[in-house]
Amino acid sequence: MTTAASPTLSAETIRRALGDFQLRPNDHQVLQIQQFIKILLQWNEKINLTAIRDPLEILNRHFCESMYAAVAVPMENGRLADVGSGGRVSGDTAQDYSA
């Protein structure tokens, strides 16, 4: 089933959503999120990768909630286990934000 192309989320929308989670992404991170969502939606038409198909919900569920761990859990001198995030989106986004 082919669906209509979903609009790309604006940089402002991404910054506002992440800001609700006390996250301040740089320009490169915003661009990476936009590209990831676009590619995820393209591949999701071919292979069922996620039930989440709304770009804003992808942002909130796959990025905001995951990246918030980098703010909420101090990881300077410890480790954080990525348990049960499926395709590793959750753990990878938290790691990328904290790096």
PDB file of N, CA and C in Angstrom:
ATOM      1  N   MET A   1       0.839  -1.179   0.000  1.00  0.00           N
ATOM      2  CA  MET A   1       0.000   0.000   0.000  1.00  0.00           C
ATOM      3  C   MET A   1       0.883   1.241   0.000  1.00  0.00           C
ATOM      4  N   THR A   2       0.691   2.115  -0.945  1.00  0.00           N
ATOM      5  CA  THR A   2       1.451   3.342  -1.040  1.00  0.00           C
ATOM      6  C   THR A   2       0.630   4.479  -0.449  1.00  0.00           C
ATOM      7  N   THR A   3       1.281   5.234   0.411  1.00  0.00           N
ATOM      8  CA  THR A   3       0.597   6.364   1.035  1.00  0.00           C
ATOM      9  C   THR A   3       1.170   7.654   0.482  1.00  0.00           C
ATOM     10  N   ALA A   4       0.451   8.724   0.635  1.00  0.00           N
ATOM     11  CA  ALA A   4       0.935  10.029   0.197  1.00  0.00           C
ATOM     12  C   ALA A   4       2.156  10.409   1.015  1.00  0.00           C
ATOM     13  N   ALA A   5       3.076  11.096   0.378  1.00  0.00           N
ATOM     14  CA  ALA A   5       4.297  11.508   1.069  1.00  0.00           C
ATOM     15  C   ALA A   5       3.946  12.419   2.242  1.00  0.00           C
ATOM     16  N   SER A   6       4.529  12.133   3.383  1.00  0.00           N
ATOM     17  CA  SER A   6       4.285  12.944   4.561  1.00  0.00           C
ATOM     18  C   SER A   6       5.175  14.177   4.519  1.00  0.00           C
ATOM     19  N   PRO A   7       4.657  15.310   4.954  1.00  0.00           N
ATOM     20  CA  PRO A   7       5.474  16.511   4.933  1.00  0.00           C
ATOM     21  C   PRO A   7       6.626  16.408   5.928  1.00  0.00           C
ATOM     22  N   THR A   8       7.733  17.024   5.574  1.00  0.00           N
ATOM     23  CA  THR A   8       8.883  17.066   6.463  1.00  0.00           C
ATOM     24  C   THR A   8       8.573  18.022   7.606  1.00  0.00           C
ATOM     25  N   LEU A   9       8.929  17.624   8.810  1.00  0.00           N
ATOM     26  CA  LEU A   9       8.718  18.504   9.954  1.00  0.00           C
ATOM     27  C   LEU A   9       9.691  19.669   9.872  1.00  0.00           C
ATOM     28  N   SER A  10       9.224  20.849  10.199  1.00  0.00           N
ATOM     29  CA  SER A  10      10.089  22.028  10.165  1.00  0.00           C
ATOM     30  C   SER A  10      11.094  21.962  11.315  1.00  0.00           C
ATOM     31  N   ALA A  11      12.189  22.670  11.146  1.00  0.00           N
ATOM     32  CA  ALA A  11      13.201  22.736  12.199  1.00  0.00           C
ATOM     33  C   ALA A  11      12.584  23.303  13.478  1.00  0.00           C
ATOM     34  N   GLU A  12      11.700  24.285  13.321  1.00  0.00           N
ATOM     35  CA  GLU A  12      11.049  24.893  14.492  1.00  0.00           C
ATOM     36  C   GLU A  12      10.174  23.885  15.226  1.00  0.00           C
ATOM     37  N   THR A  13       9.442  23.057  14.498  1.00  0.00           N
ATOM     38  CA  THR A  13       8.600  22.026  15.116  1.00  0.00           C
ATOM     39  C   THR A  13       9.459  21.048  15.891  1.00  0.00           C
ATOM     40  N   ILE A  14      10.565  20.648  15.313  1.00  0.00           N
ATOM     41  CA  ILE A  14      11.476  19.701  15.982  1.00  0.00           C
ATOM     42  C   ILE A  14      12.071  20.334  17.230  1.00  0.00           C
ATOM     43  N   ARG A  15      12.540  21.562  17.124  1.00  0.00           N
ATOM     44  CA  ARG A  15      13.131  22.241  18.289  1.00  0.00           C
ATOM     45  C   ARG A  15      12.101  22.424  19.404  1.00  0.00           C
ATOM     46  N   ARG A  16      10.875  22.783  19.045  1.00  0.00           N
ATOM     47  CA  ARG A  16       9.821  22.990  20.055  1.00  0.00           C
ATOM     48  C   ARG A  16       9.483  21.679  20.768  1.00  0.00           C
ATOM     49  N   ALA A  17       9.352  20.589  19.994  1.00  0.00           N
ATOM     50  CA  ALA A  17       9.036  19.289  20.596  1.00  0.00           C
ATOM     51  C   ALA A  17      10.154  18.825  21.518  1.00  0.00           C
ATOM     52  N   LEU A  18      11.390  18.940  21.055  1.00  0.00           N
ATOM     53  CA  LEU A  18      12.516  18.533  21.894  1.00  0.00           C
ATOM     54  C   LEU A  18      12.666  19.452  23.106  1.00  0.00           C
ATOM     55  N   GLY A  19      12.351  20.737  22.927  1.00  0.00           N
ATOM     56  CA  GLY A  19      12.411  21.687  24.035  1.00  0.00           C
ATOM     57  C   GLY A  19      11.457  21.322  25.158  1.00  0.00           C
ATOM     58  N   ASP A  20      10.316  20.717  24.816  1.00  0.00           N
ATOM     59  CA  ASP A  20       9.378  20.257  25.840  1.00  0.00           C
ATOM     60  C   ASP A  20      10.004  19.190  26.735  1.00  0.00           C
ATOM     61  N   PHE A  21      11.062  18.552  26.238  1.00  0.00           N
ATOM     62  CA  PHE A  21      11.778  17.518  27.004  1.00  0.00           C
ATOM     63  C   PHE A  21      13.119  18.035  27.520  1.00  0.00           C
ATOM     64  N   GLN A  22      13.277  19.345  27.573  1.00  0.00           N
ATOM     65  CA  GLN A  22      14.502  19.989  28.054  1.00  0.00           C
ATOM     66  C   GLN A  22      15.705  19.674  27.166  1.00  0.00           C
ATOM     67  N   LEU A  23      15.471  19.481  25.889  1.00  0.00           N
ATOM     68  CA  LEU A  23      16.528  19.152  24.944  1.00  0.00           C
ATOM     69  C   LEU A  23      16.744  20.330  24.008  1.00  0.00           C
ATOM     70  N   ARG A  24      18.005  20.627  23.719  1.00  0.00           N
ATOM     71  CA  ARG A  24      18.362  21.727  22.822  1.00  0.00           C
ATOM     72  C   ARG A  24      19.241  21.176  21.708  1.00  0.00           C
ATOM     73  N   PRO A  25      18.630  20.720  20.621  1.00  0.00           N
ATOM     74  CA  PRO A  25      19.411  20.127  19.535  1.00  0.00           C
ATOM     75  C   PRO A  25      20.149  21.203  18.730  1.00  0.00           C
ATOM     76  N   ASN A  26      21.311  20.815  18.189  1.00  0.00           N
ATOM     77  CA  ASN A  26      22.006  21.728  17.293  1.00  0.00           C
ATOM     78  C   ASN A  26      21.441  21.556  15.883  1.00  0.00           C
ATOM     79  N   ASP A  27      21.888  22.399  14.961  1.00  0.00           N
ATOM     80  CA  ASP A  27      21.353  22.370  13.595  1.00  0.00           C
ATOM     81  C   ASP A  27      21.579  21.016  12.922  1.00  0.00           C
ATOM     82  N   HIS A  28      22.731  20.424  13.144  1.00  0.00           N
ATOM     83  CA  HIS A  28      23.040  19.127  12.536  1.00  0.00           C
ATOM     84  C   HIS A  28      22.098  18.038  13.058  1.00  0.00           C
ATOM     85  N   GLN A  29      21.815  18.044  14.345  1.00  0.00           N
ATOM     86  CA  GLN A  29      20.906  17.058  14.918  1.00  0.00           C
ATOM     87  C   GLN A  29      19.497  17.215  14.358  1.00  0.00           C
ATOM     88  N   VAL A  30      19.050  18.445  14.177  1.00  0.00           N
ATOM     89  CA  VAL A  30      17.726  18.693  13.605  1.00  0.00           C
ATOM     90  C   VAL A  30      17.668  18.137  12.190  1.00  0.00           C
ATOM     91  N   LEU A  31      18.706  18.398  11.391  1.00  0.00           N
ATOM     92  CA  LEU A  31      18.752  17.888  10.024  1.00  0.00           C
ATOM     93  C   LEU A  31      18.755  16.358  10.009  1.00  0.00           C
ATOM     94  N   GLN A  32      19.514  15.743  10.913  1.00  0.00           N
ATOM     95  CA  GLN A  32      19.551  14.284  10.991  1.00  0.00           C
ATOM     96  C   GLN A  32      18.174  13.710  11.332  1.00  0.00           C
ATOM     97  N   ILE A  33      17.466  14.352  12.236  1.00  0.00           N
ATOM     98  CA  ILE A  33      16.120  13.891  12.602  1.00  0.00           C
ATOM     99  C   ILE A  33      15.185  13.998  11.400  1.00  0.00           C
ATOM    100  N   GLN A  34      15.247  15.124  10.688  1.00  0.00           N
ATOM    101  CA  GLN A  34      14.408  15.285   9.499  1.00  0.00           C
ATOM    102  C   GLN A  34      14.700  14.185   8.474  1.00  0.00           C
ATOM    103  N   GLN A  35      15.981  13.920   8.236  1.00  0.00           N
ATOM    104  CA  GLN A  35      16.362  12.897   7.259  1.00  0.00           C
ATOM    105  C   GLN A  35      15.937  11.507   7.722  1.00  0.00           C
ATOM    106  N   PHE A  36      16.111  11.213   9.002  1.00  0.00           N
ATOM    107  CA  PHE A  36      15.737   9.902   9.527  1.00  0.00           C
ATOM    108  C   PHE A  36      14.246   9.651   9.348  1.00  0.00           C
ATOM    109  N   ILE A  37      13.435  10.643   9.697  1.00  0.00           N
ATOM    110  CA  ILE A  37      11.987  10.482   9.584  1.00  0.00           C
ATOM    111  C   ILE A  37      11.593  10.260   8.127  1.00  0.00           C
ATOM    112  N   LYS A  38      12.182  11.009   7.227  1.00  0.00           N
ATOM    113  CA  LYS A  38      11.884  10.858   5.798  1.00  0.00           C
ATOM    114  C   LYS A  38      12.227   9.446   5.316  1.00  0.00           C
ATOM    115  N   ILE A  39      13.422   8.973   5.658  1.00  0.00           N
ATOM    116  CA  ILE A  39      13.859   7.637   5.228  1.00  0.00           C
ATOM    117  C   ILE A  39      13.011   6.552   5.889  1.00  0.00           C
ATOM    118  N   LEU A  40      12.716   6.715   7.177  1.00  0.00           N
ATOM    119  CA  LEU A  40      11.887   5.734   7.881  1.00  0.00           C
ATOM    120  C   LEU A  40      10.523   5.586   7.209  1.00  0.00           C
ATOM    121  N   LEU A  41       9.910   6.704   6.877  1.00  0.00           N
ATOM    122  CA  LEU A  41       8.590   6.649   6.238  1.00  0.00           C
ATOM    123  C   LEU A  41       8.659   6.038   4.846  1.00  0.00           C
ATOM    124  N   GLN A  42       9.729   6.317   4.113  1.00  0.00           N
ATOM    125  CA  GLN A  42       9.893   5.712   2.782  1.00  0.00           C
ATOM    126  C   GLN A  42      10.031   4.193   2.888  1.00  0.00           C
ATOM    127  N   TRP A  43      10.890   3.743   3.782  1.00  0.00           N
ATOM    128  CA  TRP A  43      11.101   2.298   3.928  1.00  0.00           C
ATOM    129  C   TRP A  43       9.916   1.614   4.578  1.00  0.00           C
ATOM    130  N   ASN A  44       9.206   2.331   5.415  1.00  0.00           N
ATOM    131  CA  ASN A  44       8.051   1.742   6.093  1.00  0.00           C
ATOM    132  C   ASN A  44       6.942   1.386   5.098  1.00  0.00           C
ATOM    133  N   GLU A  45       6.933   2.034   3.935  1.00  0.00           N
ATOM    134  CA  GLU A  45       5.970   1.674   2.896  1.00  0.00           C
ATOM    135  C   GLU A  45       6.303   0.316   2.291  1.00  0.00           C
ATOM    136  N   LYS A  46       7.586  -0.053   2.302  1.00  0.00           N
ATOM    137  CA  LYS A  46       8.034  -1.313   1.702  1.00  0.00           C
ATOM    138  C   LYS A  46       8.110  -2.451   2.720  1.00  0.00           C
ATOM    139  N   ILE A  47       8.583  -2.112   3.912  1.00  0.00           N
ATOM    140  CA  ILE A  47       8.775  -3.090   4.989  1.00  0.00           C
ATOM    141  C   ILE A  47       8.152  -2.495   6.247  1.00  0.00           C
ATOM    142  N   ASN A  48       7.337  -3.239   6.941  1.00  0.00           N
ATOM    143  CA  ASN A  48       6.694  -2.721   8.146  1.00  0.00           C
ATOM    144  C   ASN A  48       7.727  -2.590   9.266  1.00  0.00           C
ATOM    145  N   LEU A  49       8.292  -1.393   9.391  1.00  0.00           N
ATOM    146  CA  LEU A  49       9.301  -1.136  10.417  1.00  0.00           C
ATOM    147  C   LEU A  49       8.685  -0.614  11.709  1.00  0.00           C
ATOM    148  N   THR A  50       7.611   0.130  11.585  1.00  0.00           N
ATOM    149  CA  THR A  50       6.955   0.706  12.750  1.00  0.00           C
ATOM    150  C   THR A  50       5.489   0.961  12.446  1.00  0.00           C
ATOM    151  N   ALA A  51       4.666   0.844  13.473  1.00  0.00           N
ATOM    152  CA  ALA A  51       3.244   1.158  13.315  1.00  0.00           C
ATOM    153  C   ALA A  51       3.022   2.664  13.342  1.00  0.00           C
ATOM    154  N   ILE A  52       4.006   3.389  13.816  1.00  0.00           N
ATOM    155  CA  ILE A  52       3.901   4.840  13.909  1.00  0.00           C
ATOM    156  C   ILE A  52       4.201   5.433  12.531  1.00  0.00           C
ATOM    157  N   ARG A  53       3.227   6.158  11.978  1.00  0.00           N
ATOM    158  CA  ARG A  53       3.383   6.696  10.628  1.00  0.00           C
ATOM    159  C   ARG A  53       3.254   8.221  10.562  1.00  0.00           C
ATOM    160  N   ASP A  54       2.826   8.817  11.630  1.00  0.00           N
ATOM    161  CA  ASP A  54       2.701  10.267  11.682  1.00  0.00           C
ATOM    162  C   ASP A  54       4.066  10.876  12.041  1.00  0.00           C
ATOM    163  N   PRO A  55       4.602  11.789  11.220  1.00  0.00           N
ATOM    164  CA  PRO A  55       5.926  12.349  11.491  1.00  0.00           C
ATOM    165  C   PRO A  55       6.075  12.960  12.892  1.00  0.00           C
ATOM    166  N   LEU A  56       5.042  13.645  13.366  1.00  0.00           N
ATOM    167  CA  LEU A  56       5.126  14.248  14.699  1.00  0.00           C
ATOM    168  C   LEU A  56       5.167  13.183  15.785  1.00  0.00           C
ATOM    169  N   GLU A  57       4.403  12.120  15.599  1.00  0.00           N
ATOM    170  CA  GLU A  57       4.433  11.023  16.582  1.00  0.00           C
ATOM    171  C   GLU A  57       5.778  10.293  16.530  1.00  0.00           C
ATOM    172  N   ILE A  58       6.352  10.140  15.338  1.00  0.00           N
ATOM    173  CA  ILE A  58       7.692   9.544  15.221  1.00  0.00           C
ATOM    174  C   ILE A  58       8.682  10.400  15.993  1.00  0.00           C
ATOM    175  N   LEU A  59       8.593  11.709  15.814  1.00  0.00           N
ATOM    176  CA  LEU A  59       9.480  12.624  16.535  1.00  0.00           C
ATOM    177  C   LEU A  59       9.350  12.431  18.040  1.00  0.00           C
ATOM    178  N   ASN A  60       8.111  12.421  18.520  1.00  0.00           N
ATOM    179  CA  ASN A  60       7.900  12.301  19.967  1.00  0.00           C
ATOM    180  C   ASN A  60       8.301  10.941  20.519  1.00  0.00           C
ATOM    181  N   ARG A  61       7.903   9.874  19.853  1.00  0.00           N
ATOM    182  CA  ARG A  61       8.133   8.520  20.378  1.00  0.00           C
ATOM    183  C   ARG A  61       9.554   8.012  20.147  1.00  0.00           C
ATOM    184  N   HIS A  62      10.101   8.301  18.970  1.00  0.00           N
ATOM    185  CA  HIS A  62      11.421   7.756  18.640  1.00  0.00           C
ATOM    186  C   HIS A  62      12.569   8.687  19.012  1.00  0.00           C
ATOM    187  N   PHE A  63      12.303   9.960  19.163  1.00  0.00           N
ATOM    188  CA  PHE A  63      13.391  10.893  19.448  1.00  0.00           C
ATOM    189  C   PHE A  63      13.243  11.585  20.797  1.00  0.00           C
ATOM    190  N   CYS A  64      12.152  12.316  21.012  1.00  0.00           N
ATOM    191  CA  CYS A  64      12.012  13.082  22.252  1.00  0.00           C
ATOM    192  C   CYS A  64      12.134  12.200  23.488  1.00  0.00           C
ATOM    193  N   GLU A  65      11.356  11.133  23.524  1.00  0.00           N
ATOM    194  CA  GLU A  65      11.371  10.260  24.696  1.00  0.00           C
ATOM    195  C   GLU A  65      12.725   9.584  24.878  1.00  0.00           C
ATOM    196  N   SER A  66      13.346   9.178  23.776  1.00  0.00           N
ATOM    197  CA  SER A  66      14.637   8.493  23.848  1.00  0.00           C
ATOM    198  C   SER A  66      15.766   9.442  24.231  1.00  0.00           C
ATOM    199  N   MET A  67      15.786  10.614  23.594  1.00  0.00           N
ATOM    200  CA  MET A  67      16.858  11.569  23.868  1.00  0.00           C
ATOM    201  C   MET A  67      16.742  12.149  25.270  1.00  0.00           C
ATOM    202  N   TYR A  68      15.548  12.151  25.822  1.00  0.00           N
ATOM    203  CA  TYR A  68      15.355  12.668  27.180  1.00  0.00           C
ATOM    204  C   TYR A  68      16.180  11.886  28.192  1.00  0.00           C
ATOM    205  N   ALA A  69      16.439  10.618  27.919  1.00  0.00           N
ATOM    206  CA  ALA A  69      17.266   9.808  28.831  1.00  0.00           C
ATOM    207  C   ALA A  69      18.647  10.424  29.002  1.00  0.00           C
ATOM    208  N   ALA A  70      19.165  11.070  27.966  1.00  0.00           N
ATOM    209  CA  ALA A  70      20.481  11.702  28.051  1.00  0.00           C
ATOM    210  C   ALA A  70      20.473  12.877  29.024  1.00  0.00           C
ATOM    211  N   VAL A  71      19.307  13.472  29.250  1.00  0.00           N
ATOM    212  CA  VAL A  71      19.180  14.586  30.186  1.00  0.00           C
ATOM    213  C   VAL A  71      18.794  14.078  31.575  1.00  0.00           C
ATOM    214  N   ALA A  72      17.890  13.116  31.620  1.00  0.00           N
ATOM    215  CA  ALA A  72      17.317  12.660  32.885  1.00  0.00           C
ATOM    216  C   ALA A  72      18.235  11.722  33.667  1.00  0.00           C
ATOM    217  N   VAL A  73      19.084  10.970  32.974  1.00  0.00           N
ATOM    218  CA  VAL A  73      19.944   9.991  33.629  1.00  0.00           C
ATOM    219  C   VAL A  73      21.398  10.432  33.491  1.00  0.00           C
ATOM    220  N   PRO A  74      22.047  10.794  34.599  1.00  0.00           N
ATOM    221  CA  PRO A  74      23.458  11.193  34.500  1.00  0.00           C
ATOM    222  C   PRO A  74      24.320   9.996  34.086  1.00  0.00           C
ATOM    223  N   MET A  75      25.037  10.146  32.981  1.00  0.00           N
ATOM    224  CA  MET A  75      25.820   9.023  32.466  1.00  0.00           C
ATOM    225  C   MET A  75      27.322   9.310  32.436  1.00  0.00           C
ATOM    226  N   GLU A  76      27.778  10.345  33.102  1.00  0.00           N
ATOM    227  CA  GLU A  76      29.186  10.705  33.043  1.00  0.00           C
ATOM    228  C   GLU A  76      30.092   9.566  33.512  1.00  0.00           C
ATOM    229  N   ASN A  77      29.729   8.918  34.602  1.00  0.00           N
ATOM    230  CA  ASN A  77      30.585   7.888  35.180  1.00  0.00           C
ATOM    231  C   ASN A  77      29.900   6.534  35.252  1.00  0.00           C
ATOM    232  N   GLY A  78      28.960   6.297  34.381  1.00  0.00           N
ATOM    233  CA  GLY A  78      28.240   5.036  34.451  1.00  0.00           C
ATOM    234  C   GLY A  78      27.807   4.572  33.077  1.00  0.00           C
ATOM    235  N   ARG A  79      26.971   3.566  33.091  1.00  0.00           N
ATOM    236  CA  ARG A  79      26.460   3.011  31.846  1.00  0.00           C
ATOM    237  C   ARG A  79      24.946   2.962  31.897  1.00  0.00           C
ATOM    238  N   LEU A  80      24.370   2.986  30.718  1.00  0.00           N
ATOM    239  CA  LEU A  80      22.923   2.906  30.587  1.00  0.00           C
ATOM    240  C   LEU A  80      22.625   1.778  29.622  1.00  0.00           C
ATOM    241  N   ALA A  81      21.821   0.824  30.050  1.00  0.00           N
ATOM    242  CA  ALA A  81      21.482  -0.323  29.196  1.00  0.00           C
ATOM    243  C   ALA A  81      20.289   0.013  28.321  1.00  0.00           C
ATOM    244  N   ASP A  82      20.397  -0.339  27.064  1.00  0.00           N
ATOM    245  CA  ASP A  82      19.313  -0.183  26.099  1.00  0.00           C
ATOM    246  C   ASP A  82      18.613  -1.532  26.016  1.00  0.00           C
ATOM    247  N   VAL A  83      17.521  -1.668  26.768  1.00  0.00           N
ATOM    248  CA  VAL A  83      16.823  -2.949  26.838  1.00  0.00           C
ATOM    249  C   VAL A  83      15.462  -2.831  26.161  1.00  0.00           C
ATOM    250  N   GLY A  84      15.252  -3.614  25.136  1.00  0.00           N
ATOM    251  CA  GLY A  84      13.940  -3.708  24.531  1.00  0.00           C
ATOM    252  C   GLY A  84      13.536  -2.590  23.602  1.00  0.00           C
ATOM    253  N   SER A  85      14.496  -1.913  22.990  1.00  0.00           N
ATOM    254  CA  SER A  85      14.110  -0.833  22.084  1.00  0.00           C
ATOM    255  C   SER A  85      13.981  -1.311  20.644  1.00  0.00           C
ATOM    256  N   GLY A  86      13.952  -2.597  20.435  1.00  0.00           N
ATOM    257  CA  GLY A  86      13.736  -3.123  19.090  1.00  0.00           C
ATOM    258  C   GLY A  86      14.888  -2.834  18.162  1.00  0.00           C
ATOM    259  N   GLY A  87      14.664  -1.960  17.199  1.00  0.00           N
ATOM    260  CA  GLY A  87      15.665  -1.648  16.190  1.00  0.00           C
ATOM    261  C   GLY A  87      16.732  -0.682  16.658  1.00  0.00           C
ATOM    262  N   ARG A  88      16.896  -0.523  17.920  1.00  0.00           N
ATOM    263  CA  ARG A  88      17.932   0.294  18.549  1.00  0.00           C
ATOM    264  C   ARG A  88      17.740   1.793  18.380  1.00  0.00           C
ATOM    265  N   VAL A  89      16.609   2.229  17.918  1.00  0.00           N
ATOM    266  CA  VAL A  89      16.406   3.669  17.763  1.00  0.00           C
ATOM    267  C   VAL A  89      16.547   4.367  19.102  1.00  0.00           C
ATOM    268  N   SER A  90      15.925   3.844  20.129  1.00  0.00           N
ATOM    269  CA  SER A  90      15.944   4.512  21.438  1.00  0.00           C
ATOM    270  C   SER A  90      17.345   4.686  21.982  1.00  0.00           C
ATOM    271  N   GLY A  91      18.098   3.617  22.043  1.00  0.00           N
ATOM    272  CA  GLY A  91      19.448   3.688  22.588  1.00  0.00           C
ATOM    273  C   GLY A  91      20.381   4.525  21.748  1.00  0.00           C
ATOM    274  N   ASP A  92      20.271   4.421  20.449  1.00  0.00           N
ATOM    275  CA  ASP A  92      21.143   5.196  19.567  1.00  0.00           C
ATOM    276  C   ASP A  92      20.876   6.681  19.666  1.00  0.00           C
ATOM    277  N   THR A  93      19.622   7.104  19.734  1.00  0.00           N
ATOM    278  CA  THR A  93      19.333   8.526  19.801  1.00  0.00           C
ATOM    279  C   THR A  93      19.778   9.119  21.127  1.00  0.00           C
ATOM    280  N   ALA A  94      19.634   8.384  22.208  1.00  0.00           N
ATOM    281  CA  ALA A  94      20.099   8.874  23.510  1.00  0.00           C
ATOM    282  C   ALA A  94      21.614   9.006  23.498  1.00  0.00           C
ATOM    283  N   GLN A  95      22.293   8.027  22.924  1.00  0.00           N
ATOM    284  CA  GLN A  95      23.753   8.056  22.857  1.00  0.00           C
ATOM    285  C   GLN A  95      24.213   9.226  21.980  1.00  0.00           C
ATOM    286  N   ASP A  96      23.592   9.404  20.838  1.00  0.00           N
ATOM    287  CA  ASP A  96      23.980  10.483  19.928  1.00  0.00           C
ATOM    288  C   ASP A  96      23.781  11.847  20.561  1.00  0.00           C
ATOM    289  N   TYR A  97      22.720  12.016  21.335  1.00  0.00           N
ATOM    290  CA  TYR A  97      22.466  13.309  21.947  1.00  0.00           C
ATOM    291  C   TYR A  97      23.462  13.608  23.059  1.00  0.00           C
ATOM    292  N   SER A  98      23.852  12.585  23.806  1.00  0.00           N
ATOM    293  CA  SER A  98      24.739  12.805  24.945  1.00  0.00           C
ATOM    294  C   SER A  98      26.192  12.914  24.531  1.00  0.00           C
ATOM    295  N   ALA A  99      26.528  12.482  23.318  1.00  0.00           N
ATOM    296  CA  ALA A  99      27.923  12.498  22.867  1.00  0.00           C
ATOM    297  C   ALA A  99      28.407  13.905  22.585  1.00  0.00           C
TER     298      ALA A  99
END
